[in-house]
Amino acid sequence: MRLVLTLFLLLGTVAVTGYAHWQLYRQVNALPSRLLGHILLVLVATAFAWVVSSVYMGAEEGGEMAAFLMAFGVAHMPPAIVLLLKQQEKK
C-alpha cells in the first residue's frame, strides 16, 4: 500500500513539474528570461532534491530516487502556484 501511495505522490509531483515549466513557457515571452527561469528552477529544484535524498541514503531500495523525484517536484510547487494565479488574473 505504501508503494502505491508513493507512486501516486510521485506522479503528482512530476505533473506539477511539467505544469510549472509549461506555464513558464506560455507566460514568459522573452527567450532569455524564459531560459533563465527554466535554468534557475531546475537548479534550485535539483539542489533541494539532492539535500532531501541525501537524508534518505539508508532508505530501502529505490527510496532515495523516489525521495529525489518527489523533492524535485515539491520544489516546483511554489512557482506553479504563482504561475497559476498569474494565469487566473489574466482571465
C-alpha atoms as a PDB file:
ATOM      1  CA  MET A   1       0.000   0.000   0.000  1.00  0.00           C
ATOM      2  CA  ARG A   2       2.862   2.348   0.798  1.00  0.00           C
ATOM      3  CA  LEU A   3       4.337   1.732  -2.655  1.00  0.00           C
ATOM      4  CA  VAL A   4       1.051   2.675  -4.339  1.00  0.00           C
ATOM      5  CA  LEU A   5       0.826   5.904  -2.310  1.00  0.00           C
ATOM      6  CA  THR A   6       4.435   6.698  -3.180  1.00  0.00           C
ATOM      7  CA  LEU A   7       3.733   6.176  -6.877  1.00  0.00           C
ATOM      8  CA  PHE A   8       0.680   8.461  -6.774  1.00  0.00           C
ATOM      9  CA  LEU A   9       2.648  11.153  -4.977  1.00  0.00           C
ATOM     10  CA  LEU A  10       5.482  10.726  -7.447  1.00  0.00           C
ATOM     11  CA  LEU A  11       3.139  11.098 -10.414  1.00  0.00           C
ATOM     12  CA  GLY A  12       1.584  14.180  -8.825  1.00  0.00           C
ATOM     13  CA  THR A  13       4.908  15.889  -8.278  1.00  0.00           C
ATOM     14  CA  VAL A  14       6.073  15.051 -11.799  1.00  0.00           C
ATOM     15  CA  ALA A  15       2.827  16.576 -13.114  1.00  0.00           C
ATOM     16  CA  VAL A  16       3.467  19.737 -11.074  1.00  0.00           C
ATOM     17  CA  THR A  17       6.963  19.936 -12.562  1.00  0.00           C
ATOM     18  CA  GLY A  18       5.595  19.666 -16.077  1.00  0.00           C
ATOM     19  CA  TYR A  19       2.859  22.213 -15.352  1.00  0.00           C
ATOM     20  CA  ALA A  20       5.335  24.752 -13.945  1.00  0.00           C
ATOM     21  CA  HIS A  21       7.636  24.513 -16.957  1.00  0.00           C
ATOM     22  CA  TRP A  22       4.731  24.565 -19.423  1.00  0.00           C
ATOM     23  CA  GLN A  23       3.228  27.677 -17.845  1.00  0.00           C
ATOM     24  CA  LEU A  24       6.644  29.332 -17.724  1.00  0.00           C
ATOM     25  CA  TYR A  25       6.960  28.614 -21.446  1.00  0.00           C
ATOM     26  CA  ARG A  26       3.482  30.026 -22.154  1.00  0.00           C
ATOM     27  CA  GLN A  27       3.617  33.120 -19.951  1.00  0.00           C
ATOM     28  CA  VAL A  28       7.156  34.452 -20.444  1.00  0.00           C
ATOM     29  CA  ASN A  29       7.644  35.789 -23.946  1.00  0.00           C
ATOM     30  CA  ALA A  30      11.277  36.920 -23.914  1.00  0.00           C
ATOM     31  CA  LEU A  31      13.563  33.982 -24.686  1.00  0.00           C
ATOM     32  CA  PRO A  32      16.449  34.985 -22.363  1.00  0.00           C
ATOM     33  CA  SER A  33      14.072  35.460 -19.439  1.00  0.00           C
ATOM     34  CA  ARG A  34      12.318  32.192 -20.161  1.00  0.00           C
ATOM     35  CA  LEU A  35      15.587  30.254 -20.365  1.00  0.00           C
ATOM     36  CA  LEU A  36      16.835  31.869 -17.168  1.00  0.00           C
ATOM     37  CA  GLY A  37      13.595  30.908 -15.444  1.00  0.00           C
ATOM     38  CA  HIS A  38      13.838  27.287 -16.576  1.00  0.00           C
ATOM     39  CA  ILE A  39      17.500  27.029 -15.603  1.00  0.00           C
ATOM     40  CA  LEU A  40      17.039  28.615 -12.176  1.00  0.00           C
ATOM     41  CA  LEU A  41      14.009  26.471 -11.455  1.00  0.00           C
ATOM     42  CA  VAL A  42      15.850  23.279 -12.374  1.00  0.00           C
ATOM     43  CA  LEU A  43      18.971  24.266 -10.393  1.00  0.00           C
ATOM     44  CA  VAL A  44      17.054  25.149  -7.232  1.00  0.00           C
ATOM     45  CA  ALA A  45      14.871  22.049  -7.502  1.00  0.00           C
ATOM     46  CA  THR A  46      17.904  19.822  -8.066  1.00  0.00           C
ATOM     47  CA  ALA A  47      19.732  21.291  -5.069  1.00  0.00           C
ATOM     48  CA  PHE A  48      16.672  20.837  -2.852  1.00  0.00           C
ATOM     49  CA  ALA A  49      16.117  17.291  -4.106  1.00  0.00           C
ATOM     50  CA  TRP A  50      19.781  16.396  -3.578  1.00  0.00           C
ATOM     51  CA  VAL A  51      19.644  17.573   0.041  1.00  0.00           C
ATOM     52  CA  VAL A  52      16.410  15.705   0.719  1.00  0.00           C
ATOM     53  CA  SER A  53      17.599  12.490  -0.932  1.00  0.00           C
ATOM     54  CA  SER A  54      20.882  12.604   0.981  1.00  0.00           C
ATOM     55  CA  VAL A  55      18.845  12.310   4.179  1.00  0.00           C
ATOM     56  CA  TYR A  56      17.285   9.102   2.814  1.00  0.00           C
ATOM     57  CA  MET A  57      20.588   7.441   1.830  1.00  0.00           C
ATOM     58  CA  GLY A  58      19.820   4.433   4.051  1.00  0.00           C
ATOM     59  CA  ALA A  59      16.277   4.020   2.770  1.00  0.00           C
ATOM     60  CA  GLU A  60      15.057   0.810   1.195  1.00  0.00           C
ATOM     61  CA  GLU A  61      15.867   0.106  -2.424  1.00  0.00           C
ATOM     62  CA  GLY A  62      14.560   2.860  -4.676  1.00  0.00           C
ATOM     63  CA  GLY A  63      13.677   5.112  -1.750  1.00  0.00           C
ATOM     64  CA  GLU A  64      16.451   7.557  -2.438  1.00  0.00           C
ATOM     65  CA  MET A  65      15.387   8.012  -6.071  1.00  0.00           C
ATOM     66  CA  ALA A  66      11.731   8.386  -5.089  1.00  0.00           C
ATOM     67  CA  ALA A  67      12.708  10.975  -2.466  1.00  0.00           C
ATOM     68  CA  PHE A  68      14.782  12.844  -5.051  1.00  0.00           C
ATOM     69  CA  LEU A  69      11.983  12.943  -7.632  1.00  0.00           C
ATOM     70  CA  MET A  70       9.331  13.941  -5.101  1.00  0.00           C
ATOM     71  CA  ALA A  71      11.508  16.700  -3.663  1.00  0.00           C
ATOM     72  CA  PHE A  72      12.261  17.878  -7.205  1.00  0.00           C
ATOM     73  CA  GLY A  73       8.519  18.162  -7.843  1.00  0.00           C
ATOM     74  CA  VAL A  74       7.785  19.773  -4.479  1.00  0.00           C
ATOM     75  CA  ALA A  75      10.349  22.486  -5.246  1.00  0.00           C
ATOM     76  CA  HIS A  76       8.314  23.288  -8.371  1.00  0.00           C
ATOM     77  CA  MET A  77       5.104  23.729  -6.379  1.00  0.00           C
ATOM     78  CA  PRO A  78       5.515  27.436  -5.371  1.00  0.00           C
ATOM     79  CA  PRO A  79       6.342  28.614  -8.919  1.00  0.00           C
ATOM     80  CA  ALA A  80       3.485  26.505 -10.281  1.00  0.00           C
ATOM     81  CA  ILE A  81       1.068  28.166  -7.846  1.00  0.00           C
ATOM     82  CA  VAL A  82       2.345  31.652  -8.732  1.00  0.00           C
ATOM     83  CA  LEU A  83       2.017  30.913 -12.446  1.00  0.00           C
ATOM     84  CA  LEU A  84      -1.492  29.516 -11.909  1.00  0.00           C
ATOM     85  CA  LEU A  85      -2.516  32.683 -10.071  1.00  0.00           C
ATOM     86  CA  LYS A  86      -0.976  34.820 -12.807  1.00  0.00           C
ATOM     87  CA  GLN A  87      -2.950  32.893 -15.414  1.00  0.00           C
ATOM     88  CA  GLN A  88      -6.177  33.298 -13.420  1.00  0.00           C
ATOM     89  CA  GLU A  89      -5.525  37.038 -13.079  1.00  0.00           C
ATOM     90  CA  LYS A  90      -5.305  37.401 -16.865  1.00  0.00           C
ATOM     91  CA  LYS A  91      -8.754  35.816 -17.275  1.00  0.00           C
END
